[in-house]
C-alpha atoms as a PDB file:
ATOM      1  CA  MET A   1      -0.891 -24.652   4.657  1.00  0.00           C
ATOM      2  CA  ASP A   2       0.119 -21.763   2.359  1.00  0.00           C
ATOM      3  CA  ILE A   3      -3.387 -21.488   0.921  1.00  0.00           C
ATOM      4  CA  ALA A   4      -4.789 -21.109   4.457  1.00  0.00           C
ATOM      5  CA  ILE A   5      -2.260 -18.350   5.152  1.00  0.00           C
ATOM      6  CA  GLU A   6      -3.118 -16.691   1.849  1.00  0.00           C
ATOM      7  CA  ILE A   7      -6.853 -16.795   2.633  1.00  0.00           C
ATOM      8  CA  PHE A   8      -6.127 -15.337   6.082  1.00  0.00           C
ATOM      9  CA  GLY A   9      -4.206 -12.570   4.289  1.00  0.00           C
ATOM     10  CA  LEU A  10      -7.193 -11.986   1.989  1.00  0.00           C
ATOM     11  CA  VAL A  11      -9.650 -11.661   4.884  1.00  0.00           C
ATOM     12  CA  THR A  12      -7.279  -9.454   6.855  1.00  0.00           C
ATOM     13  CA  GLY A  13      -6.674  -7.372   3.726  1.00  0.00           C
ATOM     14  CA  LEU A  14     -10.400  -6.747   3.326  1.00  0.00           C
ATOM     15  CA  LEU A  15     -10.597  -5.611   6.947  1.00  0.00           C
ATOM     16  CA  TYR A  16      -7.624  -3.317   6.335  1.00  0.00           C
ATOM     17  CA  LEU A  17      -9.338  -1.826   3.294  1.00  0.00           C
ATOM     18  CA  TRP A  18     -12.497  -1.090   5.301  1.00  0.00           C
ATOM     19  CA  TYR A  19     -10.464   0.770   7.895  1.00  0.00           C
ATOM     20  CA  GLU A  20      -8.497   2.625   5.202  1.00  0.00           C
ATOM     21  CA  ILE A  21     -11.607   3.916   3.477  1.00  0.00           C
ATOM     22  CA  LYS A  22     -13.049   4.975   6.831  1.00  0.00           C
ATOM     23  CA  HIS A  23      -9.717   6.650   7.644  1.00  0.00           C
ATOM     24  CA  SER A  24      -9.484   4.684  10.887  1.00  0.00           C
ATOM     25  CA  ASN A  25      -6.174   4.415  12.702  1.00  0.00           C
ATOM     26  CA  LYS A  26      -7.023   0.707  13.234  1.00  0.00           C
ATOM     27  CA  MET A  27      -5.911   0.235   9.629  1.00  0.00           C
ATOM     28  CA  TRP A  28      -2.283   0.524  10.669  1.00  0.00           C
ATOM     29  CA  TYR A  29      -2.593  -2.211  13.333  1.00  0.00           C
ATOM     30  CA  VAL A  30      -4.158  -4.578  10.810  1.00  0.00           C
ATOM     31  CA  GLY A  31      -1.425  -3.547   8.372  1.00  0.00           C
ATOM     32  CA  ILE A  32       1.209  -4.932  10.742  1.00  0.00           C
ATOM     33  CA  VAL A  33      -0.450  -8.369  10.584  1.00  0.00           C
ATOM     34  CA  ILE A  34      -0.775  -8.196   6.800  1.00  0.00           C
ATOM     35  CA  ALA A  35       2.891  -7.269   6.433  1.00  0.00           C
ATOM     36  CA  ILE A  36       3.948 -10.378   8.342  1.00  0.00           C
ATOM     37  CA  VAL A  37       1.646 -12.671   6.338  1.00  0.00           C
ATOM     38  CA  TYR A  38       2.695 -11.354   2.940  1.00  0.00           C
ATOM     39  CA  THR A  39       6.392 -11.208   3.782  1.00  0.00           C
ATOM     40  CA  TYR A  40       6.196 -14.979   4.159  1.00  0.00           C
ATOM     41  CA  LEU A  41       4.027 -15.585   1.066  1.00  0.00           C
ATOM     42  CA  PHE A  42       6.034 -13.353  -1.255  1.00  0.00           C
ATOM     43  CA  ALA A  43       9.329 -14.871  -0.118  1.00  0.00           C
ATOM     44  CA  LYS A  44       8.012 -18.330  -1.008  1.00  0.00           C
ATOM     45  CA  SER A  45       6.840 -17.028  -4.403  1.00  0.00           C
ATOM     46  CA  HIS A  46      10.188 -15.407  -5.305  1.00  0.00           C
ATOM     47  CA  LEU A  47       8.651 -11.930  -5.356  1.00  0.00           C
ATOM     48  CA  TYR A  48      11.549 -10.400  -3.467  1.00  0.00           C
ATOM     49  CA  ALA A  49      10.792  -6.731  -3.995  1.00  0.00           C
ATOM     50  CA  SER A  50       7.194  -7.221  -2.899  1.00  0.00           C
ATOM     51  CA  MET A  51       8.487  -9.135   0.112  1.00  0.00           C
ATOM     52  CA  SER A  52      10.846  -6.269   0.987  1.00  0.00           C
ATOM     53  CA  TYR A  53       8.009  -3.793   0.607  1.00  0.00           C
ATOM     54  CA  GLN A  54       6.127  -5.644   3.338  1.00  0.00           C
ATOM     55  CA  ILE A  55       8.997  -4.946   5.732  1.00  0.00           C
ATOM     56  CA  TYR A  56       8.844  -1.283   4.731  1.00  0.00           C
ATOM     57  CA  TYR A  57       5.068  -1.384   5.186  1.00  0.00           C
ATOM     58  CA  LEU A  58       5.502  -2.772   8.685  1.00  0.00           C
ATOM     59  CA  LEU A  59       7.632   0.274   9.542  1.00  0.00           C
ATOM     60  CA  MET A  60       5.200   2.635   7.771  1.00  0.00           C
ATOM     61  CA  SER A  61       2.347   1.144   9.794  1.00  0.00           C
ATOM     62  CA  ILE A  62       4.131   2.167  12.976  1.00  0.00           C
ATOM     63  CA  TYR A  63       4.729   5.625  11.473  1.00  0.00           C
ATOM     64  CA  GLY A  64       1.070   5.808  10.360  1.00  0.00           C
ATOM     65  CA  ILE A  65      -0.198   5.038  13.863  1.00  0.00           C
ATOM     66  CA  TYR A  66       1.879   7.912  15.241  1.00  0.00           C
ATOM     67  CA  LYS A  67       1.219  10.372  12.381  1.00  0.00           C
ATOM     68  CA  TRP A  68      -2.529   9.883  12.210  1.00  0.00           C
ATOM     69  CA  LYS A  69      -2.923  10.200  15.971  1.00  0.00           C
ATOM     70  CA  LYS A  70      -0.876  13.396  15.860  1.00  0.00           C
ATOM     71  CA  ASP A  71      -2.887  14.796  12.926  1.00  0.00           C
ATOM     72  CA  ALA A  72      -6.187  14.010  14.651  1.00  0.00           C
ATOM     73  CA  ASN A  73      -5.448  16.580  17.390  1.00  0.00           C
ATOM     74  CA  GLY A  74      -7.971  15.057  19.746  1.00  0.00           C
ATOM     75  CA  ILE A  75     -10.421  13.876  17.075  1.00  0.00           C
ATOM     76  CA  SER A  76     -11.201  10.170  17.420  1.00  0.00           C
ATOM     77  CA  ALA A  77     -10.265   8.007  14.467  1.00  0.00           C
ATOM     78  CA  GLY A  78     -13.282   7.540  12.254  1.00  0.00           C
ATOM     79  CA  GLU A  79     -15.021  10.792  13.293  1.00  0.00           C
ATOM     80  CA  GLU A  80     -13.232  12.948  10.739  1.00  0.00           C
ATOM     81  CA  ILE A  81     -11.186  12.169   7.666  1.00  0.00           C
ATOM     82  CA  ILE A  82      -8.307  14.597   7.816  1.00  0.00           C
ATOM     83  CA  ILE A  83      -6.735  15.150   4.405  1.00  0.00           C
ATOM     84  CA  ASN A  84      -3.529  17.112   4.095  1.00  0.00           C
ATOM     85  CA  GLU A  85      -3.076  19.052   0.884  1.00  0.00           C
ATOM     86  CA  ILE A  86       0.059  17.953  -0.956  1.00  0.00           C
ATOM     87  CA  LYS A  87       2.477  20.570  -2.170  1.00  0.00           C
ATOM     88  CA  LEU A  88       4.294  20.383  -5.494  1.00  0.00           C
ATOM     89  CA  VAL A  89       7.806  19.901  -4.097  1.00  0.00           C
ATOM     90  CA  PRO A  90       7.033  16.866  -1.879  1.00  0.00           C
ATOM     91  CA  ALA A  91       4.983  15.320  -4.693  1.00  0.00           C
ATOM     92  CA  VAL A  92       7.796  15.703  -7.228  1.00  0.00           C
ATOM     93  CA  VAL A  93      10.589  14.681  -4.843  1.00  0.00           C
ATOM     94  CA  SER A  94       8.773  11.550  -3.638  1.00  0.00           C
ATOM     95  CA  SER A  95       7.849  10.598  -7.226  1.00  0.00           C
ATOM     96  CA  VAL A  96      11.422  11.028  -8.478  1.00  0.00           C
ATOM     97  CA  LEU A  97      12.697   8.934  -5.553  1.00  0.00           C
ATOM     98  CA  ALA A  98      10.137   6.233  -6.376  1.00  0.00           C
ATOM     99  CA  PHE A  99      11.323   6.160  -9.996  1.00  0.00           C
ATOM    100  CA  GLY A 100      14.943   5.888  -8.888  1.00  0.00           C
ATOM    101  CA  LEU A 101      13.994   3.037  -6.559  1.00  0.00           C
ATOM    102  CA  PHE A 102      12.163   1.330  -9.411  1.00  0.00           C
ATOM    103  CA  LEU A 103      15.340   1.324 -11.513  1.00  0.00           C
ATOM    104  CA  LEU A 104      17.471   0.159  -8.609  1.00  0.00           C
ATOM    105  CA  ILE A 105      15.067  -2.627  -7.650  1.00  0.00           C
ATOM    106  CA  TYR A 106      14.537  -3.760 -11.238  1.00  0.00           C
ATOM    107  CA  PHE A 107      18.226  -4.059 -12.076  1.00  0.00           C
ATOM    108  CA  GLY A 108      18.965  -5.638  -8.706  1.00  0.00           C
ATOM    109  CA  LEU A 109      16.275  -8.275  -9.199  1.00  0.00           C
ATOM    110  CA  SER A 110      17.230  -8.908 -12.815  1.00  0.00           C
ATOM    111  CA  ASP A 111      20.957  -9.207 -12.204  1.00  0.00           C
ATOM    112  CA  TYR A 112      21.238 -10.758  -8.744  1.00  0.00           C
ATOM    113  CA  THR A 113      18.184 -12.906  -7.992  1.00  0.00           C
ATOM    114  CA  ASN A 114      16.032 -15.641  -9.443  1.00  0.00           C
ATOM    115  CA  ALA A 115      12.998 -13.320  -9.362  1.00  0.00           C
ATOM    116  CA  GLU A 116      10.309 -14.558 -11.718  1.00  0.00           C
ATOM    117  CA  GLN A 117       8.816 -11.181 -12.624  1.00  0.00           C
ATOM    118  CA  PRO A 118      11.444  -8.521 -11.949  1.00  0.00           C
ATOM    119  CA  LEU A 119       9.796  -5.738 -13.975  1.00  0.00           C
ATOM    120  CA  LEU A 120       6.339  -6.048 -12.427  1.00  0.00           C
ATOM    121  CA  ASP A 121       7.729  -6.768  -8.977  1.00  0.00           C
ATOM    122  CA  ALA A 122       9.939  -3.656  -9.101  1.00  0.00           C
ATOM    123  CA  LEU A 123       7.168  -1.448 -10.490  1.00  0.00           C
ATOM    124  CA  VAL A 124       4.551  -2.597  -7.982  1.00  0.00           C
ATOM    125  CA  THR A 125       7.004  -2.212  -5.121  1.00  0.00           C
ATOM    126  CA  SER A 126       8.283   1.250  -6.030  1.00  0.00           C
ATOM    127  CA  LEU A 127       4.752   2.560  -6.604  1.00  0.00           C
ATOM    128  CA  SER A 128       3.641   0.947  -3.326  1.00  0.00           C
ATOM    129  CA  LEU A 129       6.434   2.709  -1.466  1.00  0.00           C
ATOM    130  CA  LEU A 130       5.256   5.997  -2.942  1.00  0.00           C
ATOM    131  CA  ALA A 131       1.565   5.388  -2.256  1.00  0.00           C
ATOM    132  CA  THR A 132       2.203   4.250   1.310  1.00  0.00           C
ATOM    133  CA  TYR A 133       4.215   7.377   2.035  1.00  0.00           C
ATOM    134  CA  TRP A 134       1.397   9.491   0.602  1.00  0.00           C
ATOM    135  CA  LEU A 135      -1.173   7.515   2.618  1.00  0.00           C
ATOM    136  CA  GLY A 136       0.824   8.031   5.817  1.00  0.00           C
ATOM    137  CA  ASN A 137       0.565  11.766   5.159  1.00  0.00           C
ATOM    138  CA  SER A 138      -3.158  11.546   4.263  1.00  0.00           C
ATOM    139  CA  TRP A 139      -2.650  12.848   0.726  1.00  0.00           C
ATOM    140  CA  ILE A 140      -5.753  11.998  -1.310  1.00  0.00           C
ATOM    141  CA  GLY A 141      -3.795  11.412  -4.547  1.00  0.00           C
ATOM    142  CA  GLN A 142      -2.539   8.146  -3.063  1.00  0.00           C
ATOM    143  CA  TRP A 143      -5.810   6.496  -4.124  1.00  0.00           C
ATOM    144  CA  TRP A 144      -5.015   6.841  -7.864  1.00  0.00           C
ATOM    145  CA  ILE A 145      -1.558   5.386  -7.366  1.00  0.00           C
ATOM    146  CA  TRP A 146      -3.202   2.415  -5.607  1.00  0.00           C
ATOM    147  CA  VAL A 147      -5.497   1.879  -8.605  1.00  0.00           C
ATOM    148  CA  MET A 148      -2.426   1.487 -10.860  1.00  0.00           C
ATOM    149  CA  ILE A 149      -0.655  -0.717  -8.320  1.00  0.00           C
ATOM    150  CA  ASN A 150      -3.645  -2.988  -7.943  1.00  0.00           C
ATOM    151  CA  ILE A 151      -4.082  -3.525 -11.679  1.00  0.00           C
ATOM    152  CA  LEU A 152      -0.408  -4.455 -11.997  1.00  0.00           C
ATOM    153  CA  SER A 153      -0.597  -6.615  -8.868  1.00  0.00           C
ATOM    154  CA  VAL A 154      -3.519  -8.664 -10.171  1.00  0.00           C
ATOM    155  CA  ILE A 155      -1.466  -9.517 -13.258  1.00  0.00           C
ATOM    156  CA  MET A 156       1.635 -10.360 -11.236  1.00  0.00           C
ATOM    157  CA  PHE A 157      -0.108 -12.479  -8.597  1.00  0.00           C
ATOM    158  CA  TRP A 158      -2.220 -14.314 -11.172  1.00  0.00           C
ATOM    159  CA  ARG A 159       0.964 -15.287 -13.018  1.00  0.00           C
ATOM    160  CA  GLN A 160       2.361 -16.626  -9.719  1.00  0.00           C
ATOM    161  CA  ASN A 161      -0.783 -18.729  -9.085  1.00  0.00           C
ATOM    162  CA  LEU A 162      -1.597 -16.637  -6.017  1.00  0.00           C
ATOM    163  CA  TYR A 163      -5.271 -16.531  -6.947  1.00  0.00           C
ATOM    164  CA  PRO A 164      -6.800 -15.383  -3.620  1.00  0.00           C
ATOM    165  CA  THR A 165      -4.193 -12.618  -3.482  1.00  0.00           C
ATOM    166  CA  ALA A 166      -4.963 -11.624  -7.093  1.00  0.00           C
ATOM    167  CA  PHE A 167      -8.650 -11.461  -6.148  1.00  0.00           C
ATOM    168  CA  LEU A 168      -7.836  -9.319  -3.100  1.00  0.00           C
ATOM    169  CA  TYR A 169      -5.833  -6.848  -5.192  1.00  0.00           C
ATOM    170  CA  GLY A 170      -8.595  -6.695  -7.807  1.00  0.00           C
ATOM    171  CA  PHE A 171     -11.012  -5.811  -5.045  1.00  0.00           C
ATOM    172  CA  TYR A 172      -8.492  -3.279  -3.718  1.00  0.00           C
ATOM    173  CA  GLY A 173      -8.421  -1.624  -7.147  1.00  0.00           C
ATOM    174  CA  VAL A 174     -12.188  -1.132  -7.297  1.00  0.00           C
ATOM    175  CA  SER A 175     -12.251  -0.042  -3.668  1.00  0.00           C
ATOM    176  CA  ALA A 176      -9.484   2.502  -4.253  1.00  0.00           C
ATOM    177  CA  ILE A 177     -11.777   4.354  -6.648  1.00  0.00           C
ATOM    178  CA  TYR A 178     -14.523   4.313  -4.021  1.00  0.00           C
ATOM    179  CA  GLY A 179     -12.022   5.390  -1.343  1.00  0.00           C
ATOM    180  CA  TYR A 180     -10.986   8.417  -3.362  1.00  0.00           C
ATOM    181  CA  TYR A 181     -14.561   9.641  -3.756  1.00  0.00           C
ATOM    182  CA  TYR A 182     -15.405   8.832  -0.143  1.00  0.00           C
ATOM    183  CA  TRP A 183     -12.431  10.814   1.155  1.00  0.00           C
ATOM    184  CA  ARG A 184     -13.237  13.645  -1.231  1.00  0.00           C
ATOM    185  CA  LYS A 185     -16.824  13.811   0.010  1.00  0.00           C
ATOM    186  CA  GLU A 186     -16.215  13.258   3.736  1.00  0.00           C
ATOM    187  CA  GLY A 187     -12.735  14.707   4.180  1.00  0.00           C
ATOM    188  CA  LEU A 188     -11.668  17.721   6.149  1.00  0.00           C
ATOM    189  CA  TYR A 189      -8.840  19.380   4.201  1.00  0.00           C
ATOM    190  CA  ARG A 190      -5.872  20.922   5.940  1.00  0.00           C
ATOM    191  CA  ASN A 191      -3.288  22.956   4.068  1.00  0.00           C
ATOM    192  CA  ASN A 192      -0.371  22.317   6.403  1.00  0.00           C
ATOM    193  CA  LEU A 193       2.314  20.556   4.329  1.00  0.00           C
END
């Protein structure tokens, strides 16, 4: 049963990735489904931080639906890729918060749970929180954070025998590089943050 759910997550994840690269608001709706699937799978695999991230991602998907519709200002999703330029202060503040969360998550997992990979789980989760926040704001730098996350995720999921999920995250890593260049080529930059 779990392998069927994991394969469903893989297929849904590929659909999500397609919508993300195309900068389609549909991505966020698919993200809600993915969050539910992986909350279950990660809980069963004792990847508690990654499981908690899925709950955060569920909330960020709702935020993303609202934010991207607001940013579109009448432009249909998929017609234009609207990229907001990131300013130094939000980049530094969000990165420092992500590092603080990494430490908090790591020590919490190490000291209070039976987590099997507390270091990787905490690192992947804290970087994912950062990248998702940047994605919700359409900051193009989020793609490079996803490349790092996906490399680390492949290692973590492979060690947990979550092979379809490891494959999905490997594909995500390659696609993140493509996504960056696609957004860079097709994006409409706004300097409003």
